[in-house]
Amino acid sequence: MIVCQVCGTQNPDGARFCDGCGVELAATPSTPSPEVRDTPLPENSTWDSNVVPPTPPLNQPDIQEPISQNDPLAGSSTPVPTPEVVEEPLEDVQPSTPVQESASGPITPDSTDQATPASETVSEPLSEPVSMNKSEPAPEVAPEPTPEPTPVETPAAPSAPASGGLVPAKLAIKKYGVLSGDSIPLAAGALTVGRFDASTGPVDIDVTGLPGSEHVSRRHAQVFFENGQWKVKDLGSTNGVFVRKSGEVNFGPRIAEPTALTNGDEIAFGNLLMIFQED
């Protein structure tokens, strides 16, 4: 028998190609199996059925490890082409001595040397295709409410307050440069300062009999409340009206237009002196 050096298949003598893998067989003579002879027992020996006679060793042909065709480190760097198998009639060749099979059964190529098929790659189905051309509608943005314009309040022109809105004030009388302790309350919105005359009638503040009243005209001046402030104006008197501000030494020039009064101002109606005081 000829043993294939590639797959280990036993082929009959004279075979050119291996029946298992088709590789060309080398001209290697088959190794005959040793003949097993029974050793005669001596005449005086007693047969013991429990004694097992020794088994002679069997000489088996050397089996080389099969060479994988896919091994890049095979003995020959040149790949062995697979020859075309041609069926030829086999001659009836009967070996003189039958080859006994091994106790472990017929020799088969190592299962580990067989080519392991590559693991099949199972492609998972893709998820639903995402359309890149489909544009999602933009979220609607609610229009911001237009703020209502803030009305601009136009300040009303100041008007003279009623009698109830008057700032309480009075005119204190001075005699010979000293306050006499007498005063005239300013109870109305406009008061005329002067002297009584039969042709013109009475006035609001009559200074007749006071020191310096001889230089006061019949309708000399007017003290009035306007825009939250007391003021004094000349009504065309002969000797005029003068004002000395609080804290100053001298009187100012004769007034030609209404002049605002503050607490402590001194007023000269001609030669009659009075001090404006707020309560």
Protein backbone atom coordinates (compact mmCIF):
# COMPACT_ATOMS: atom_id res chain seq x y z
CA MET A 1 0.00 0.00 0.00
CA ILE A 2 1.10 3.55 -0.71
CA VAL A 3 0.23 6.17 1.94
CA CYS A 4 -0.46 9.69 0.62
CA GLN A 5 1.95 12.21 2.13
CA VAL A 6 -0.72 14.94 1.93
CA CYS A 7 -3.94 13.49 3.26
CA GLY A 8 -2.76 10.12 4.64
CA THR A 9 -5.07 8.02 2.42
CA GLN A 10 -3.86 4.44 1.77
CA ASN A 11 -3.69 3.71 -1.93
CA PRO A 12 -2.99 0.37 -3.67
CA ASP A 13 0.47 -0.35 -4.96
CA GLY A 14 1.05 1.00 -8.42
CA ALA A 15 -1.40 3.90 -8.06
CA ARG A 16 -0.11 7.16 -9.52
CA PHE A 17 -2.56 9.56 -7.91
CA CYS A 18 -4.14 9.61 -4.47
CA ASP A 19 -7.75 8.50 -4.36
CA GLY A 20 -8.40 10.93 -1.49
CA CYS A 21 -6.95 14.25 -2.68
CA GLY A 22 -5.70 13.54 -6.22
CA VAL A 23 -2.07 14.43 -5.51
CA GLU A 24 0.57 12.52 -7.47
CA LEU A 25 1.96 9.74 -5.33
CA ALA A 26 5.68 9.27 -4.84
CA ALA A 27 7.17 5.96 -5.85
CA THR A 28 7.49 4.66 -2.34
CA PRO A 29 7.46 0.88 -1.88
CA SER A 30 4.89 -0.36 0.49
CA THR A 31 6.03 -1.71 3.80
CA PRO A 32 4.74 -5.18 4.38
CA SER A 33 3.20 -5.88 7.71
CA PRO A 34 5.17 -8.28 9.88
CA GLU A 35 3.91 -11.79 9.90
CA VAL A 36 2.39 -12.83 13.15
CA ARG A 37 3.25 -16.38 14.13
CA ASP A 38 1.84 -18.36 16.96
CA THR A 39 4.48 -19.52 19.43
CA PRO A 40 4.00 -23.18 20.32
CA LEU A 41 3.62 -23.92 23.97
CA PRO A 42 5.97 -26.40 25.62
CA GLU A 43 4.66 -29.85 26.28
CA ASN A 44 4.87 -29.65 30.05
CA SER A 45 3.27 -26.22 30.29
CA THR A 46 -0.18 -25.86 31.74
CA TRP A 47 -2.68 -23.67 29.92
CA ASP A 48 -4.11 -20.91 32.00
CA SER A 49 -7.20 -19.32 30.56
CA ASN A 50 -6.64 -16.16 32.61
CA VAL A 51 -3.22 -15.51 31.11
CA VAL A 52 -3.27 -13.41 27.98
CA PRO A 53 -0.41 -14.18 25.63
CA PRO A 54 1.73 -11.18 24.78
CA THR A 55 0.88 -9.39 21.59
CA PRO A 56 3.84 -8.95 19.29
CA PRO A 57 4.56 -5.38 18.29
CA LEU A 58 3.26 -4.29 14.99
CA ASN A 59 5.43 -2.37 12.63
CA GLN A 60 3.29 0.23 11.02
CA PRO A 61 4.46 2.49 8.27
CA ASP A 62 5.50 5.96 9.27
CA ILE A 63 2.65 8.35 8.74
CA GLN A 64 3.75 11.88 8.14
CA GLU A 65 1.61 14.76 9.14
CA PRO A 66 -0.47 15.86 6.16
CA ILE A 67 0.56 19.09 4.62
CA SER A 68 -2.17 21.63 4.24
CA GLN A 69 -2.44 23.03 0.79
CA ASN A 70 -3.21 26.45 2.26
CA ASP A 71 -0.10 26.47 4.48
CA PRO A 72 2.27 29.13 3.14
CA LEU A 73 5.20 27.32 4.86
CA ALA A 74 4.78 24.08 2.86
CA GLY A 75 7.86 22.21 1.73
CA SER A 76 7.72 23.55 -1.79
CA SER A 77 7.33 27.25 -2.45
CA THR A 78 5.68 26.43 -5.76
CA PRO A 79 2.00 25.53 -5.40
CA VAL A 80 1.21 22.00 -6.57
CA PRO A 81 -1.39 22.12 -9.29
CA THR A 82 -4.28 19.78 -8.96
CA PRO A 83 -3.89 17.21 -11.75
CA GLU A 84 -6.83 16.13 -13.77
CA VAL A 85 -8.03 12.78 -12.53
CA VAL A 86 -8.32 10.21 -15.31
CA GLU A 87 -10.13 7.04 -14.48
CA GLU A 88 -8.03 4.05 -15.49
CA PRO A 89 -8.88 0.40 -15.07
CA LEU A 90 -7.24 -0.96 -11.99
CA GLU A 91 -5.48 -4.29 -12.14
CA ASP A 92 -6.42 -6.87 -9.63
CA VAL A 93 -3.44 -6.76 -7.38
CA GLN A 94 -3.67 -8.92 -4.33
CA PRO A 95 -1.05 -8.29 -1.75
CA SER A 96 0.77 -11.35 -0.49
CA THR A 97 0.13 -10.39 3.11
CA PRO A 98 -2.98 -8.43 4.11
CA VAL A 99 -2.32 -5.33 6.08
CA GLN A 100 -3.93 -5.41 9.47
CA GLU A 101 -5.79 -2.29 10.44
CA SER A 102 -4.81 -0.49 13.56
CA ALA A 103 -6.80 -1.14 16.65
CA SER A 104 -7.94 2.43 16.59
CA GLY A 105 -9.54 1.98 13.15
CA PRO A 106 -8.56 3.26 9.73
CA ILE A 107 -6.26 6.22 9.56
CA THR A 108 -8.10 9.38 8.71
CA PRO A 109 -6.69 12.82 8.19
CA ASP A 110 -6.65 15.05 11.24
CA SER A 111 -9.87 16.96 11.43
CA THR A 112 -7.96 19.98 12.67
CA ASP A 113 -6.00 20.12 9.40
CA GLN A 114 -9.09 20.35 7.28
CA ALA A 115 -9.80 23.78 5.98
CA THR A 116 -12.22 25.51 8.24
CA PRO A 117 -14.76 27.42 6.23
CA ALA A 118 -14.68 31.12 6.87
CA SER A 119 -17.39 32.34 9.13
CA GLU A 120 -20.26 33.63 7.17
CA THR A 121 -20.83 37.30 7.65
CA VAL A 122 -24.48 37.96 8.13
CA SER A 123 -25.24 41.51 7.28
CA GLU A 124 -27.89 42.96 9.47
CA PRO A 125 -30.68 44.73 7.68
CA LEU A 126 -30.21 48.43 7.69
CA SER A 127 -32.65 50.56 9.49
CA GLU A 128 -35.17 52.53 7.60
CA PRO A 129 -33.42 54.72 5.05
CA VAL A 130 -33.09 58.28 6.04
CA SER A 131 -34.03 60.60 3.29
CA MET A 132 -31.52 63.40 3.06
CA ASN A 133 -33.53 65.33 0.54
CA LYS A 134 -36.67 65.49 2.64
CA SER A 135 -36.56 68.75 4.47
CA GLU A 136 -38.41 68.99 7.72
CA PRO A 137 -40.73 71.95 8.02
CA ALA A 138 -39.33 74.71 10.17
CA PRO A 139 -41.20 75.22 13.44
CA GLU A 140 -43.63 78.03 13.33
CA VAL A 141 -42.53 81.00 15.37
CA ALA A 142 -45.30 82.92 16.96
CA PRO A 143 -45.06 86.61 16.12
CA GLU A 144 -44.06 88.74 19.04
CA PRO A 145 -46.77 91.09 20.17
CA THR A 146 -46.15 94.65 19.18
CA PRO A 147 -45.72 96.71 22.32
CA GLU A 148 -48.27 99.42 22.67
CA PRO A 149 -46.78 102.88 22.49
CA THR A 150 -46.47 104.51 25.85
CA PRO A 151 -48.48 107.68 25.88
CA VAL A 152 -46.38 110.72 26.56
CA GLU A 153 -47.94 112.83 29.19
CA THR A 154 -47.70 116.49 28.41
CA PRO A 155 -47.45 118.47 31.60
CA ALA A 156 -50.28 120.90 31.91
CA ALA A 157 -49.49 124.53 32.18
CA PRO A 158 -49.34 125.56 35.80
CA SER A 159 -52.29 127.55 36.88
CA ALA A 160 -52.85 129.68 39.89
CA PRO A 161 -54.09 127.55 42.74
CA ALA A 162 -57.41 128.23 44.33
CA SER A 163 -57.69 129.95 47.63
CA GLY A 164 -57.49 126.63 49.37
CA GLY A 165 -54.03 125.97 47.79
CA LEU A 166 -52.44 129.20 48.98
CA VAL A 167 -49.24 129.04 50.96
CA PRO A 168 -50.00 130.77 54.25
CA ALA A 169 -48.02 134.02 54.48
CA LYS A 170 -48.16 137.50 56.03
CA LEU A 171 -46.61 140.99 55.91
CA ALA A 172 -44.97 142.04 59.19
CA ILE A 173 -44.91 145.85 59.83
CA LYS A 174 -41.68 147.63 60.81
CA LYS A 175 -41.68 150.93 62.72
CA TYR A 176 -38.52 152.94 62.91
CA GLY A 177 -36.51 149.93 61.65
CA VAL A 178 -37.91 147.50 64.20
CA LEU A 179 -40.75 144.97 63.92
CA SER A 180 -43.76 146.33 65.74
CA GLY A 181 -45.34 142.95 66.27
CA ASP A 182 -48.27 143.76 63.99
CA SER A 183 -48.80 141.84 60.72
CA ILE A 184 -51.24 141.72 57.85
CA PRO A 185 -52.30 138.18 56.76
CA LEU A 186 -52.32 137.38 53.05
CA ALA A 187 -55.69 135.58 52.87
CA ALA A 188 -56.57 136.12 49.20
CA GLY A 189 -54.92 135.33 45.90
CA ALA A 190 -54.38 139.00 45.01
CA LEU A 191 -54.23 141.97 47.42
CA THR A 192 -53.84 145.67 46.53
CA VAL A 193 -51.67 147.84 48.79
CA GLY A 194 -52.53 151.61 49.00
CA ARG A 195 -54.54 154.28 50.74
CA PHE A 196 -58.24 155.08 50.83
CA ASP A 197 -59.46 157.79 48.47
CA ALA A 198 -63.02 158.89 47.89
CA SER A 199 -62.54 158.98 44.15
CA THR A 200 -60.98 155.47 43.87
CA GLY A 201 -62.56 153.69 46.84
CA PRO A 202 -61.05 151.39 49.47
CA VAL A 203 -58.09 149.01 48.92
CA ASP A 204 -57.31 145.49 50.30
CA ILE A 205 -54.39 146.58 52.46
CA ASP A 206 -54.89 150.19 53.67
CA VAL A 207 -51.68 151.58 55.19
CA THR A 208 -53.16 154.95 56.18
CA GLY A 209 -51.76 156.04 59.56
CA LEU A 210 -48.65 153.86 59.41
CA PRO A 211 -45.20 155.52 59.58
CA GLY A 212 -44.13 156.41 55.98
CA SER A 213 -47.65 156.05 54.55
CA GLU A 214 -47.50 159.63 53.24
CA HIS A 215 -45.27 158.33 50.41
CA VAL A 216 -47.71 155.54 49.45
CA SER A 217 -49.97 156.01 46.42
CA ARG A 218 -53.70 155.27 46.53
CA ARG A 219 -53.15 152.14 44.39
CA HIS A 220 -49.47 151.56 44.98
CA ALA A 221 -48.75 147.78 44.47
CA GLN A 222 -50.26 144.32 44.38
CA VAL A 223 -49.20 141.16 46.25
CA PHE A 224 -50.51 137.94 44.56
CA PHE A 225 -50.02 134.14 44.54
CA GLU A 226 -49.05 132.55 41.20
CA ASN A 227 -47.65 129.12 40.26
CA GLY A 228 -47.20 128.14 43.88
CA GLN A 229 -45.28 131.27 44.78
CA TRP A 230 -46.05 134.72 46.21
CA LYS A 231 -45.06 137.71 44.08
CA VAL A 232 -45.23 141.53 44.18
CA LYS A 233 -45.63 144.04 41.34
CA ASP A 234 -45.76 147.85 41.00
CA LEU A 235 -49.10 149.32 39.86
CA GLY A 236 -47.51 152.52 38.54
CA SER A 237 -46.95 154.21 41.88
CA THR A 238 -45.21 157.54 42.27
CA ASN A 239 -42.43 156.42 44.63
CA GLY A 240 -42.09 152.80 43.42
CA VAL A 241 -41.55 149.37 45.03
CA PHE A 242 -38.18 148.00 46.21
CA VAL A 243 -37.17 144.52 47.45
CA ARG A 244 -34.21 143.56 49.67
CA LYS A 245 -33.57 139.81 49.61
CA SER A 246 -33.09 137.97 52.86
CA GLY A 247 -29.48 138.22 54.01
CA GLU A 248 -28.58 141.17 51.76
CA VAL A 249 -27.63 144.64 53.01
CA ASN A 250 -29.09 146.95 50.39
CA PHE A 251 -32.36 147.12 48.47
CA GLY A 252 -32.38 146.33 44.84
CA PRO A 253 -33.43 148.79 42.14
CA ARG A 254 -37.07 149.74 41.67
CA ILE A 255 -38.89 146.70 40.30
CA ALA A 256 -40.27 146.97 36.78
CA GLU A 257 -41.92 143.50 36.60
CA PRO A 258 -43.41 140.98 39.03
CA THR A 259 -40.80 139.73 41.52
CA ALA A 260 -40.99 136.45 43.46
CA LEU A 261 -40.85 136.65 47.25
CA THR A 262 -39.16 134.24 49.66
CA ASN A 263 -39.37 134.01 53.40
CA GLY A 264 -37.59 136.94 55.04
CA ASP A 265 -37.56 139.32 52.05
CA GLU A 266 -38.15 143.00 52.93
CA ILE A 267 -40.50 145.13 50.77
CA ALA A 268 -40.45 148.95 50.62
CA PHE A 269 -43.72 150.56 49.38
CA GLY A 270 -42.28 154.06 48.95
CA ASN A 271 -40.98 154.71 52.46
CA LEU A 272 -43.21 152.12 54.22
CA LEU A 273 -41.27 148.92 55.18
CA MET A 274 -42.78 145.44 55.57
CA ILE A 275 -41.21 141.92 55.84
CA PHE A 276 -42.67 138.94 53.93
CA GLN A 277 -43.03 135.88 56.17
CA GLU A 278 -44.38 132.38 55.37
CA ASP A 279 -46.22 130.57 58.16
